[in-house]
PDB file of N, CA and C in Angstrom:
ATOM      1  N   UNK A   1      10.110  49.822  33.564  1.00  0.00           N
ATOM      2  CA  UNK A   1       9.590  49.045  32.879  1.00  0.00           C
ATOM      3  C   UNK A   1      10.075  48.210  31.802  1.00  0.00           C
ATOM      4  N   UNK A   2      11.169  48.573  31.246  1.00  0.00           N
ATOM      5  CA  UNK A   2      11.978  47.893  30.659  1.00  0.00           C
ATOM      6  C   UNK A   2      12.733  46.907  31.447  1.00  0.00           C
ATOM      7  N   UNK A   3      12.843  46.977  32.649  1.00  0.00           N
ATOM      8  CA  UNK A   3      13.728  46.051  33.462  1.00  0.00           C
ATOM      9  C   UNK A   3      12.446  44.817  33.748  1.00  0.00           C
ATOM     10  N   UNK A   4      11.093  45.143  33.241  1.00  0.00           N
ATOM     11  CA  UNK A   4      10.340  43.721  33.673  1.00  0.00           C
ATOM     12  C   UNK A   4      10.452  42.864  32.505  1.00  0.00           C
ATOM     13  N   UNK A   5      10.558  43.679  31.215  1.00  0.00           N
ATOM     14  CA  UNK A   5      10.220  43.008  30.078  1.00  0.00           C
ATOM     15  C   UNK A   5      11.859  42.276  29.820  1.00  0.00           C
ATOM     16  N   UNK A   6      12.828  42.422  30.157  1.00  0.00           N
ATOM     17  CA  UNK A   6      13.897  42.129  30.130  1.00  0.00           C
ATOM     18  C   UNK A   6      14.191  40.776  31.226  1.00  0.00           C
ATOM     19  N   UNK A   7      13.220  41.079  32.672  1.00  0.00           N
ATOM     20  CA  UNK A   7      13.525  40.189  33.475  1.00  0.00           C
ATOM     21  C   UNK A   7      13.299  38.607  33.149  1.00  0.00           C
ATOM     22  N   UNK A   8      12.675  38.356  32.371  1.00  0.00           N
ATOM     23  CA  UNK A   8      12.341  36.971  32.030  1.00  0.00           C
ATOM     24  C   UNK A   8      13.494  36.085  31.355  1.00  0.00           C
ATOM     25  N   UNK A   9      14.442  36.971  30.295  1.00  0.00           N
ATOM     26  CA  UNK A   9      15.235  36.755  29.827  1.00  0.00           C
ATOM     27  C   UNK A   9      16.443  36.497  30.134  1.00  0.00           C
ATOM     28  N   UNK A  10      16.675  36.990  31.467  1.00  0.00           N
ATOM     29  CA  UNK A  10      17.855  37.336  32.179  1.00  0.00           C
ATOM     30  C   UNK A  10      17.826  36.306  33.096  1.00  0.00           C
ATOM     31  N   UNK A  11      16.673  35.632  33.400  1.00  0.00           N
ATOM     32  CA  UNK A  11      16.964  34.627  34.837  1.00  0.00           C
ATOM     33  C   UNK A  11      17.421  33.072  33.695  1.00  0.00           C
ATOM     34  N   UNK A  12      17.448  32.156  34.754  1.00  0.00           N
ATOM     35  CA  UNK A  12      17.296  30.626  34.121  1.00  0.00           C
ATOM     36  C   UNK A  12      16.574  30.592  32.823  1.00  0.00           C
ATOM     37  N   UNK A  13      16.061  31.128  31.953  1.00  0.00           N
ATOM     38  CA  UNK A  13      15.056  30.863  30.938  1.00  0.00           C
ATOM     39  C   UNK A  13      14.900  29.438  30.389  1.00  0.00           C
ATOM     40  N   UNK A  14      13.960  29.038  29.624  1.00  0.00           N
ATOM     41  CA  UNK A  14      13.377  27.721  29.253  1.00  0.00           C
ATOM     42  C   UNK A  14      14.917  27.139  28.204  1.00  0.00           C
ATOM     43  N   UNK A  15      14.978  25.825  28.532  1.00  0.00           N
ATOM     44  CA  UNK A  15      16.081  25.419  27.677  1.00  0.00           C
ATOM     45  C   UNK A  15      15.826  25.150  26.028  1.00  0.00           C
ATOM     46  N   UNK A  16      16.908  25.246  25.148  1.00  0.00           N
ATOM     47  CA  UNK A  16      16.506  25.201  23.854  1.00  0.00           C
ATOM     48  C   UNK A  16      16.722  23.827  23.680  1.00  0.00           C
ATOM     49  N   UNK A  17      16.016  23.174  22.587  1.00  0.00           N
ATOM     50  CA  UNK A  17      16.193  21.973  22.201  1.00  0.00           C
ATOM     51  C   UNK A  17      16.955  21.799  20.938  1.00  0.00           C
ATOM     52  N   UNK A  18      17.117  20.418  21.017  1.00  0.00           N
ATOM     53  CA  UNK A  18      18.638  20.175  19.866  1.00  0.00           C
ATOM     54  C   UNK A  18      17.801  20.076  18.643  1.00  0.00           C
ATOM     55  N   UNK A  19      18.042  20.940  17.762  1.00  0.00           N
ATOM     56  CA  UNK A  19      17.589  20.519  16.252  1.00  0.00           C
ATOM     57  C   UNK A  19      17.449  19.849  15.417  1.00  0.00           C
ATOM     58  N   UNK A  20      18.475  18.928  15.419  1.00  0.00           N
ATOM     59  CA  UNK A  20      17.896  17.480  14.844  1.00  0.00           C
ATOM     60  C   UNK A  20      16.870  16.833  15.588  1.00  0.00           C
ATOM     61  N   UNK A  21      16.683  16.781  16.724  1.00  0.00           N
ATOM     62  CA  UNK A  21      15.435  16.418  17.210  1.00  0.00           C
ATOM     63  C   UNK A  21      14.138  16.835  16.673  1.00  0.00           C
ATOM     64  N   UNK A  22      14.324  18.245  16.722  1.00  0.00           N
ATOM     65  CA  UNK A  22      12.941  18.822  16.271  1.00  0.00           C
ATOM     66  C   UNK A  22      12.525  18.469  14.441  1.00  0.00           C
ATOM     67  N   UNK A  23      13.983  18.270  13.885  1.00  0.00           N
ATOM     68  CA  UNK A  23      13.842  17.611  12.615  1.00  0.00           C
ATOM     69  C   UNK A  23      13.379  16.170  12.070  1.00  0.00           C
ATOM     70  N   UNK A  24      13.402  15.289  13.266  1.00  0.00           N
ATOM     71  CA  UNK A  24      13.023  14.144  13.392  1.00  0.00           C
ATOM     72  C   UNK A  24      11.933  13.703  12.809  1.00  0.00           C
ATOM     73  N   UNK A  25      10.949  14.032  13.543  1.00  0.00           N
ATOM     74  CA  UNK A  25       9.583  13.669  12.848  1.00  0.00           C
ATOM     75  C   UNK A  25       9.308  14.080  11.166  1.00  0.00           C
ATOM     76  N   UNK A  26       9.978  14.995  10.877  1.00  0.00           N
ATOM     77  CA  UNK A  26       9.653  15.236   9.547  1.00  0.00           C
ATOM     78  C   UNK A  26      10.849  14.188   8.729  1.00  0.00           C
ATOM     79  N   UNK A  27      11.795  14.117   9.107  1.00  0.00           N
ATOM     80  CA  UNK A  27      12.800  13.070   8.411  1.00  0.00           C
ATOM     81  C   UNK A  27      12.010  11.366   8.395  1.00  0.00           C
ATOM     82  N   UNK A  28      11.265  11.410   9.373  1.00  0.00           N
ATOM     83  CA  UNK A  28      10.534  10.048   9.507  1.00  0.00           C
ATOM     84  C   UNK A  28       9.442  10.182   8.676  1.00  0.00           C
ATOM     85  N   UNK A  29       8.597  11.080   8.526  1.00  0.00           N
ATOM     86  CA  UNK A  29       7.627  11.296   7.421  1.00  0.00           C
ATOM     87  C   UNK A  29       8.220  10.936   6.198  1.00  0.00           C
ATOM     88  N   UNK A  30       9.220  11.275   5.689  1.00  0.00           N
ATOM     89  CA  UNK A  30       9.871  11.347   4.329  1.00  0.00           C
ATOM     90  C   UNK A  30      10.201   9.793   4.246  1.00  0.00           C
ATOM     91  N   UNK A  31      10.715   9.471   4.915  1.00  0.00           N
ATOM     92  CA  UNK A  31      11.334   7.840   5.145  1.00  0.00           C
ATOM     93  C   UNK A  31       9.976   6.931   4.672  1.00  0.00           C
ATOM     94  N   UNK A  32       8.826   7.267   5.822  1.00  0.00           N
ATOM     95  CA  UNK A  32       7.601   6.490   5.327  1.00  0.00           C
ATOM     96  C   UNK A  32       7.127   6.665   4.203  1.00  0.00           C
ATOM     97  N   UNK A  33       7.289   7.757   3.653  1.00  0.00           N
ATOM     98  CA  UNK A  33       6.761   8.047   2.179  1.00  0.00           C
ATOM     99  C   UNK A  33       7.518   7.178   1.218  1.00  0.00           C
ATOM    100  N   UNK A  34       8.458   7.528   1.483  1.00  0.00           N
ATOM    101  CA  UNK A  34       9.588   6.835   0.427  1.00  0.00           C
ATOM    102  C   UNK A  34       9.250   5.254   0.403  1.00  0.00           C
ATOM    103  N   UNK A  35       9.297   4.508   1.285  1.00  0.00           N
ATOM    104  CA  UNK A  35       8.999   3.253   1.749  1.00  0.00           C
ATOM    105  C   UNK A  35       8.204   2.734   1.076  1.00  0.00           C
ATOM    106  N   UNK A  36       6.711   3.693   1.123  1.00  0.00           N
ATOM    107  CA  UNK A  36       5.437   3.035   1.135  1.00  0.00           C
ATOM    108  C   UNK A  36       5.050   3.530  -0.616  1.00  0.00           C
ATOM    109  N   UNK A  37       5.602   4.552  -0.839  1.00  0.00           N
ATOM    110  CA  UNK A  37       4.715   5.312  -2.347  1.00  0.00           C
ATOM    111  C   UNK A  37       6.075   5.761  -3.526  1.00  0.00           C
ATOM    112  N   UNK A  38       6.837   5.947  -2.866  1.00  0.00           N
ATOM    113  CA  UNK A  38       7.924   6.150  -4.194  1.00  0.00           C
ATOM    114  C   UNK A  38       8.933   5.148  -4.332  1.00  0.00           C
ATOM    115  N   UNK A  39       9.118   3.944  -3.412  1.00  0.00           N
ATOM    116  CA  UNK A  39       9.932   3.000  -3.889  1.00  0.00           C
ATOM    117  C   UNK A  39       9.276   1.672  -4.967  1.00  0.00           C
ATOM    118  N   UNK A  40       7.948   1.584  -4.176  1.00  0.00           N
ATOM    119  CA  UNK A  40       7.064   0.393  -4.995  1.00  0.00           C
ATOM    120  C   UNK A  40       6.932   0.912  -6.360  1.00  0.00           C
ATOM    121  N   UNK A  41       6.520   2.333  -6.220  1.00  0.00           N
ATOM    122  CA  UNK A  41       6.391   2.925  -7.808  1.00  0.00           C
ATOM    123  C   UNK A  41       7.377   2.799  -8.819  1.00  0.00           C
ATOM    124  N   UNK A  42       8.220   3.108  -8.417  1.00  0.00           N
ATOM    125  CA  UNK A  42       9.880   2.989  -9.363  1.00  0.00           C
ATOM    126  C   UNK A  42       9.539   1.726  -9.263  1.00  0.00           C
ATOM    127  N   UNK A  43       9.923   0.670  -8.603  1.00  0.00           N
ATOM    128  CA  UNK A  43      10.126  -0.918  -9.215  1.00  0.00           C
ATOM    129  C   UNK A  43       9.123  -1.178 -10.195  1.00  0.00           C
ATOM    130  N   UNK A  44       7.786  -0.816  -9.864  1.00  0.00           N
ATOM    131  CA  UNK A  44       6.532  -0.962 -10.886  1.00  0.00           C
ATOM    132  C   UNK A  44       6.958  -0.838 -12.519  1.00  0.00           C
ATOM    133  N   UNK A  45       7.652   0.829 -12.206  1.00  0.00           N
ATOM    134  CA  UNK A  45       7.957   1.097 -13.857  1.00  0.00           C
ATOM    135  C   UNK A  45       9.164   0.559 -14.570  1.00  0.00           C
ATOM    136  N   UNK A  46      10.337   0.094 -13.620  1.00  0.00           N
ATOM    137  CA  UNK A  46      11.259  -0.375 -13.926  1.00  0.00           C
ATOM    138  C   UNK A  46      10.963  -1.648 -14.571  1.00  0.00           C
ATOM    139  N   UNK A  47       9.903  -2.443 -13.779  1.00  0.00           N
ATOM    140  CA  UNK A  47       9.444  -3.943 -14.362  1.00  0.00           C
ATOM    141  C   UNK A  47       8.673  -3.685 -15.715  1.00  0.00           C
ATOM    142  N   UNK A  48       7.696  -2.766 -15.733  1.00  0.00           N
ATOM    143  CA  UNK A  48       7.192  -2.312 -17.158  1.00  0.00           C
ATOM    144  C   UNK A  48       8.128  -2.173 -18.351  1.00  0.00           C
ATOM    145  N   UNK A  49       9.287  -1.080 -18.108  1.00  0.00           N
ATOM    146  CA  UNK A  49      10.068  -0.964 -19.040  1.00  0.00           C
ATOM    147  C   UNK A  49      10.765  -2.224 -19.592  1.00  0.00           C
ATOM    148  N   UNK A  50      11.117  -3.339 -18.476  1.00  0.00           N
ATOM    149  CA  UNK A  50      11.971  -4.422 -18.981  1.00  0.00           C
ATOM    150  C   UNK A  50      10.758  -5.296 -19.558  1.00  0.00           C
ATOM    151  N   UNK A  51       9.369  -5.080 -19.300  1.00  0.00           N
ATOM    152  CA  UNK A  51       8.577  -5.954 -19.963  1.00  0.00           C
ATOM    153  C   UNK A  51       8.505  -5.556 -21.166  1.00  0.00           C
ATOM    154  N   UNK A  52       8.324  -3.888 -21.733  1.00  0.00           N
ATOM    155  CA  UNK A  52       8.275  -3.650 -23.009  1.00  0.00           C
ATOM    156  C   UNK A  52       9.542  -3.654 -23.618  1.00  0.00           C
ATOM    157  N   UNK A  53      10.689  -3.532 -23.063  1.00  0.00           N
ATOM    158  CA  UNK A  53      11.906  -3.940 -23.935  1.00  0.00           C
ATOM    159  C   UNK A  53      11.966  -5.506 -24.155  1.00  0.00           C
ATOM    160  N   UNK A  54      11.544  -6.483 -23.681  1.00  0.00           N
ATOM    161  CA  UNK A  54      11.710  -7.803 -24.258  1.00  0.00           C
ATOM    162  C   UNK A  54      10.191  -8.351 -25.221  1.00  0.00           C
ATOM    163  N   UNK A  55       9.440  -7.613 -25.474  1.00  0.00           N
ATOM    164  CA  UNK A  55       8.302  -7.715 -26.590  1.00  0.00           C
ATOM    165  C   UNK A  55       8.713  -8.704 -27.735  1.00  0.00           C
ATOM    166  N   UNK A  56       8.367  -9.213 -28.340  1.00  0.00           N
ATOM    167  CA  UNK A  56       8.983  -9.906 -29.629  1.00  0.00           C
ATOM    168  C   UNK A  56       7.682 -10.726 -30.303  1.00  0.00           C
ATOM    169  N   UNK A  57       7.881 -11.052 -31.548  1.00  0.00           N
ATOM    170  CA  UNK A  57       6.534 -11.426 -32.494  1.00  0.00           C
ATOM    171  C   UNK A  57       6.366 -12.813 -31.516  1.00  0.00           C
ATOM    172  N   UNK A  58       4.975 -12.800 -31.764  1.00  0.00           N
ATOM    173  CA  UNK A  58       4.316 -14.200 -31.277  1.00  0.00           C
ATOM    174  C   UNK A  58       3.909 -14.094 -29.604  1.00  0.00           C
ATOM    175  N   UNK A  59       4.393 -12.836 -28.897  1.00  0.00           N
ATOM    176  CA  UNK A  59       3.750 -12.627 -27.793  1.00  0.00           C
ATOM    177  C   UNK A  59       2.176 -11.807 -27.889  1.00  0.00           C
ATOM    178  N   UNK A  60       1.298 -12.417 -26.753  1.00  0.00           N
ATOM    179  CA  UNK A  60      -0.017 -11.529 -27.091  1.00  0.00           C
ATOM    180  C   UNK A  60       0.189 -10.699 -25.954  1.00  0.00           C
ATOM    181  N   UNK A  61      -0.587  -9.366 -25.927  1.00  0.00           N
ATOM    182  CA  UNK A  61      -0.695  -8.379 -25.436  1.00  0.00           C
ATOM    183  C   UNK A  61      -2.079  -7.916 -25.130  1.00  0.00           C
ATOM    184  N   UNK A  62      -1.965  -6.446 -24.295  1.00  0.00           N
ATOM    185  CA  UNK A  62      -3.426  -5.953 -23.940  1.00  0.00           C
ATOM    186  C   UNK A  62      -2.542  -4.323 -24.098  1.00  0.00           C
ATOM    187  N   UNK A  63      -3.530  -3.839 -25.004  1.00  0.00           N
ATOM    188  CA  UNK A  63      -3.048  -2.385 -25.298  1.00  0.00           C
ATOM    189  C   UNK A  63      -3.589  -1.533 -24.417  1.00  0.00           C
ATOM    190  N   UNK A  64      -3.623  -0.225 -23.673  1.00  0.00           N
ATOM    191  CA  UNK A  64      -3.950   0.594 -22.726  1.00  0.00           C
ATOM    192  C   UNK A  64      -5.192   1.123 -23.468  1.00  0.00           C
ATOM    193  N   UNK A  65      -5.464   0.673 -24.907  1.00  0.00           N
ATOM    194  CA  UNK A  65      -7.002   1.204 -25.494  1.00  0.00           C
ATOM    195  C   UNK A  65      -7.688  -0.195 -24.880  1.00  0.00           C
ATOM    196  N   UNK A  66      -7.756  -1.068 -24.360  1.00  0.00           N
ATOM    197  CA  UNK A  66      -8.219  -2.182 -24.436  1.00  0.00           C
ATOM    198  C   UNK A  66      -8.123  -3.400 -25.397  1.00  0.00           C
ATOM    199  N   UNK A  67      -7.335  -3.194 -26.309  1.00  0.00           N
ATOM    200  CA  UNK A  67      -7.534  -4.057 -27.505  1.00  0.00           C
ATOM    201  C   UNK A  67      -6.489  -5.167 -27.136  1.00  0.00           C
ATOM    202  N   UNK A  68      -6.855  -6.214 -27.386  1.00  0.00           N
ATOM    203  CA  UNK A  68      -6.079  -7.774 -27.196  1.00  0.00           C
ATOM    204  C   UNK A  68      -5.371  -7.808 -28.825  1.00  0.00           C
ATOM    205  N   UNK A  69      -4.193  -8.545 -28.475  1.00  0.00           N
ATOM    206  CA  UNK A  69      -4.008  -8.936 -30.188  1.00  0.00           C
ATOM    207  C   UNK A  69      -2.553  -9.759 -29.805  1.00  0.00           C
ATOM    208  N   UNK A  70      -1.904  -9.986 -30.921  1.00  0.00           N
ATOM    209  CA  UNK A  70      -0.695 -10.898 -30.937  1.00  0.00           C
ATOM    210  C   UNK A  70       0.134  -9.949 -32.187  1.00  0.00           C
ATOM    211  N   UNK A  71       1.832  -9.978 -31.180  1.00  0.00           N
ATOM    212  CA  UNK A  71       2.537  -9.347 -32.227  1.00  0.00           C
ATOM    213  C   UNK A  71       3.254  -9.761 -33.131  1.00  0.00           C
ATOM    214  N   UNK A  72       2.746  -9.327 -34.440  1.00  0.00           N
ATOM    215  CA  UNK A  72       3.336 -10.061 -35.642  1.00  0.00           C
ATOM    216  C   UNK A  72       4.727  -9.423 -36.038  1.00  0.00           C
ATOM    217  N   UNK A  73       5.290  -8.243 -35.885  1.00  0.00           N
ATOM    218  CA  UNK A  73       6.353  -7.992 -36.429  1.00  0.00           C
ATOM    219  C   UNK A  73       6.726  -6.611 -35.305  1.00  0.00           C
ATOM    220  N   UNK A  74       7.969  -6.373 -35.321  1.00  0.00           N
ATOM    221  CA  UNK A  74       8.605  -5.225 -34.164  1.00  0.00           C
ATOM    222  C   UNK A  74       9.387  -4.563 -35.547  1.00  0.00           C
ATOM    223  N   UNK A  75       9.153  -2.888 -35.598  1.00  0.00           N
ATOM    224  CA  UNK A  75      10.025  -2.088 -36.203  1.00  0.00           C
ATOM    225  C   UNK A  75      10.902  -1.221 -35.095  1.00  0.00           C
ATOM    226  N   UNK A  76      11.955  -1.804 -34.860  1.00  0.00           N
ATOM    227  CA  UNK A  76      13.010  -1.289 -33.606  1.00  0.00           C
ATOM    228  C   UNK A  76      13.170  -0.077 -33.698  1.00  0.00           C
ATOM    229  N   UNK A  77      13.824   0.338 -34.880  1.00  0.00           N
ATOM    230  CA  UNK A  77      14.022   1.818 -35.008  1.00  0.00           C
ATOM    231  C   UNK A  77      12.858   2.668 -34.817  1.00  0.00           C
ATOM    232  N   UNK A  78      11.503   2.461 -35.393  1.00  0.00           N
ATOM    233  CA  UNK A  78      10.970   3.855 -34.922  1.00  0.00           C
ATOM    234  C   UNK A  78       9.954   3.204 -33.428  1.00  0.00           C
ATOM    235  N   UNK A  79      10.377   1.816 -32.961  1.00  0.00           N
ATOM    236  CA  UNK A  79       9.495   1.606 -31.671  1.00  0.00           C
ATOM    237  C   UNK A  79       8.106   1.424 -32.111  1.00  0.00           C
ATOM    238  N   UNK A  80       7.928   0.888 -32.980  1.00  0.00           N
ATOM    239  CA  UNK A  80       6.334   0.238 -33.656  1.00  0.00           C
ATOM    240  C   UNK A  80       6.784  -1.195 -33.421  1.00  0.00           C
ATOM    241  N   UNK A  81       5.282  -1.461 -32.954  1.00  0.00           N
ATOM    242  CA  UNK A  81       4.447  -2.932 -33.107  1.00  0.00           C
ATOM    243  C   UNK A  81       3.673  -3.358 -34.125  1.00  0.00           C
ATOM    244  N   UNK A  82       3.748  -4.460 -34.755  1.00  0.00           N
ATOM    245  CA  UNK A  82       2.543  -4.603 -35.944  1.00  0.00           C
ATOM    246  C   UNK A  82       2.022  -5.657 -34.627  1.00  0.00           C
ATOM    247  N   UNK A  83       0.424  -5.172 -34.608  1.00  0.00           N
ATOM    248  CA  UNK A  83      -0.339  -6.235 -33.810  1.00  0.00           C
ATOM    249  C   UNK A  83      -1.597  -6.705 -34.552  1.00  0.00           C
ATOM    250  N   UNK A  84      -1.664  -7.887 -34.874  1.00  0.00           N
ATOM    251  CA  UNK A  84      -2.895  -8.542 -35.522  1.00  0.00           C
ATOM    252  C   UNK A  84      -4.007  -8.858 -34.344  1.00  0.00           C
ATOM    253  N   UNK A  85      -5.156  -8.185 -34.420  1.00  0.00           N
ATOM    254  CA  UNK A  85      -6.281  -8.125 -33.863  1.00  0.00           C
ATOM    255  C   UNK A  85      -7.233  -9.239 -34.034  1.00  0.00           C
ATOM    256  N   UNK A  86      -7.168  -9.509 -35.686  1.00  0.00           N
ATOM    257  CA  UNK A  86      -7.921 -10.506 -35.904  1.00  0.00           C
ATOM    258  C   UNK A  86      -7.307 -10.928 -37.266  1.00  0.00           C
ATOM    259  N   UNK A  87      -8.512 -12.000 -37.892  1.00  0.00           N
ATOM    260  CA  UNK A  87      -7.724 -12.764 -38.811  1.00  0.00           C
ATOM    261  C   UNK A  87      -7.158 -11.991 -40.043  1.00  0.00           C
ATOM    262  N   UNK A  88      -7.604 -11.083 -40.938  1.00  0.00           N
ATOM    263  CA  UNK A  88      -6.678 -10.604 -41.511  1.00  0.00           C
ATOM    264  C   UNK A  88      -6.576  -8.729 -41.737  1.00  0.00           C
ATOM    265  N   UNK A  89      -6.784  -8.484 -39.927  1.00  0.00           N
ATOM    266  CA  UNK A  89      -6.847  -6.996 -39.464  1.00  0.00           C
ATOM    267  C   UNK A  89      -5.243  -7.167 -38.542  1.00  0.00           C
ATOM    268  N   UNK A  90      -4.451  -5.979 -39.109  1.00  0.00           N
ATOM    269  CA  UNK A  90      -3.208  -5.609 -38.192  1.00  0.00           C
ATOM    270  C   UNK A  90      -3.157  -4.019 -38.171  1.00  0.00           C
ATOM    271  N   UNK A  91      -2.703  -3.427 -37.076  1.00  0.00           N
ATOM    272  CA  UNK A  91      -2.382  -2.219 -36.355  1.00  0.00           C
ATOM    273  C   UNK A  91      -1.348  -2.260 -36.332  1.00  0.00           C
ATOM    274  N   UNK A  92      -0.696  -0.678 -36.254  1.00  0.00           N
ATOM    275  CA  UNK A  92       0.757  -0.494 -36.143  1.00  0.00           C
ATOM    276  C   UNK A  92       0.442   0.532 -34.659  1.00  0.00           C
ATOM    277  N   UNK A  93       1.334   0.059 -33.249  1.00  0.00           N
ATOM    278  CA  UNK A  93       1.023   0.582 -32.475  1.00  0.00           C
ATOM    279  C   UNK A  93       2.275   0.701 -31.581  1.00  0.00           C
ATOM    280  N   UNK A  94       2.689   1.815 -30.813  1.00  0.00           N
ATOM    281  CA  UNK A  94       3.783   1.831 -30.025  1.00  0.00           C
ATOM    282  C   UNK A  94       3.945   1.282 -28.839  1.00  0.00           C
ATOM    283  N   UNK A  95       5.604   0.770 -28.663  1.00  0.00           N
ATOM    284  CA  UNK A  95       5.865   0.329 -27.778  1.00  0.00           C
ATOM    285  C   UNK A  95       4.730   0.495 -26.314  1.00  0.00           C
ATOM    286  N   UNK A  96       5.006   1.965 -26.009  1.00  0.00           N
ATOM    287  CA  UNK A  96       4.469   2.678 -24.776  1.00  0.00           C
ATOM    288  C   UNK A  96       2.829   2.536 -24.708  1.00  0.00           C
ATOM    289  N   UNK A  97       2.285   1.803 -25.789  1.00  0.00           N
ATOM    290  CA  UNK A  97       0.928   1.959 -25.886  1.00  0.00           C
ATOM    291  C   UNK A  97       0.406   0.507 -25.457  1.00  0.00           C
ATOM    292  N   UNK A  98       1.407  -0.596 -24.703  1.00  0.00           N
ATOM    293  CA  UNK A  98       1.185  -1.716 -24.393  1.00  0.00           C
ATOM    294  C   UNK A  98       0.818  -1.639 -22.954  1.00  0.00           C
ATOM    295  N   UNK A  99      -0.270  -2.265 -22.345  1.00  0.00           N
ATOM    296  CA  UNK A  99      -0.525  -2.009 -21.159  1.00  0.00           C
ATOM    297  C   UNK A  99       0.425  -3.050 -20.074  1.00  0.00           C
ATOM    298  N   UNK A 100      -0.131  -4.524 -21.093  1.00  0.00           N
ATOM    299  CA  UNK A 100       0.657  -5.586 -20.145  1.00  0.00           C
ATOM    300  C   UNK A 100       0.617  -6.621 -21.141  1.00  0.00           C
ATOM    301  N   UNK A 101       1.382  -7.879 -20.987  1.00  0.00           N
ATOM    302  CA  UNK A 101       1.945  -9.056 -21.809  1.00  0.00           C
ATOM    303  C   UNK A 101       1.150  -9.906 -21.084  1.00  0.00           C
ATOM    304  N   UNK A 102       0.348 -10.649 -21.997  1.00  0.00           N
ATOM    305  CA  UNK A 102      -0.792 -11.443 -21.561  1.00  0.00           C
ATOM    306  C   UNK A 102      -0.202 -13.308 -21.343  1.00  0.00           C
ATOM    307  N   UNK A 103      -0.032 -13.865 -20.501  1.00  0.00           N
ATOM    308  CA  UNK A 103       0.532 -15.038 -19.954  1.00  0.00           C
ATOM    309  C   UNK A 103      -0.619 -16.119 -19.846  1.00  0.00           C
ATOM    310  N   UNK A 104      -0.119 -17.268 -20.642  1.00  0.00           N
ATOM    311  CA  UNK A 104      -0.924 -18.335 -20.429  1.00  0.00           C
ATOM    312  C   UNK A 104      -2.787 -18.050 -21.285  1.00  0.00           C
ATOM    313  N   UNK A 105      -2.636 -16.888 -21.853  1.00  0.00           N
ATOM    314  CA  UNK A 105      -4.395 -16.849 -22.315  1.00  0.00           C
ATOM    315  C   UNK A 105      -4.406 -16.405 -24.007  1.00  0.00           C
ATOM    316  N   UNK A 106      -4.734 -17.515 -24.641  1.00  0.00           N
ATOM    317  CA  UNK A 106      -4.950 -17.291 -26.122  1.00  0.00           C
ATOM    318  C   UNK A 106      -6.224 -16.166 -26.850  1.00  0.00           C
ATOM    319  N   UNK A 107      -5.728 -15.256 -27.147  1.00  0.00           N
ATOM    320  CA  UNK A 107      -6.642 -14.339 -27.801  1.00  0.00           C
ATOM    321  C   UNK A 107      -6.973 -14.458 -28.860  1.00  0.00           C
ATOM    322  N   UNK A 108      -6.111 -14.376 -29.954  1.00  0.00           N
ATOM    323  CA  UNK A 108      -6.226 -14.070 -31.506  1.00  0.00           C
ATOM    324  C   UNK A 108      -5.803 -15.709 -32.187  1.00  0.00           C
ATOM    325  N   UNK A 109      -6.541 -15.943 -32.742  1.00  0.00           N
ATOM    326  CA  UNK A 109      -5.951 -17.333 -33.526  1.00  0.00           C
ATOM    327  C   UNK A 109      -4.969 -16.705 -35.092  1.00  0.00           C
TER     328      UNK A 109
END
């Protein structure tokens, strides 16, 4: 009975595949995910960090809370922007609260 069980392994059994070839589909999936998801997101994050760093008085912005305003002052040490949202109304926000810098759109007079 034991000879029947081992008979399949003694003969010229199936060939073993190359382990690198079996990993190739997984590596391809990881590469595609990197190119389509991770790399564009990192580029977008880098562009936003650059925009936040370059904010200066006079720039018009939109906050993540949906408020439009014009930067009146910058307190670099604390990372705070003084934002004018109406004629005599100013608020303090952090740099990270800026969603985007408005270009060619005059919002606050």
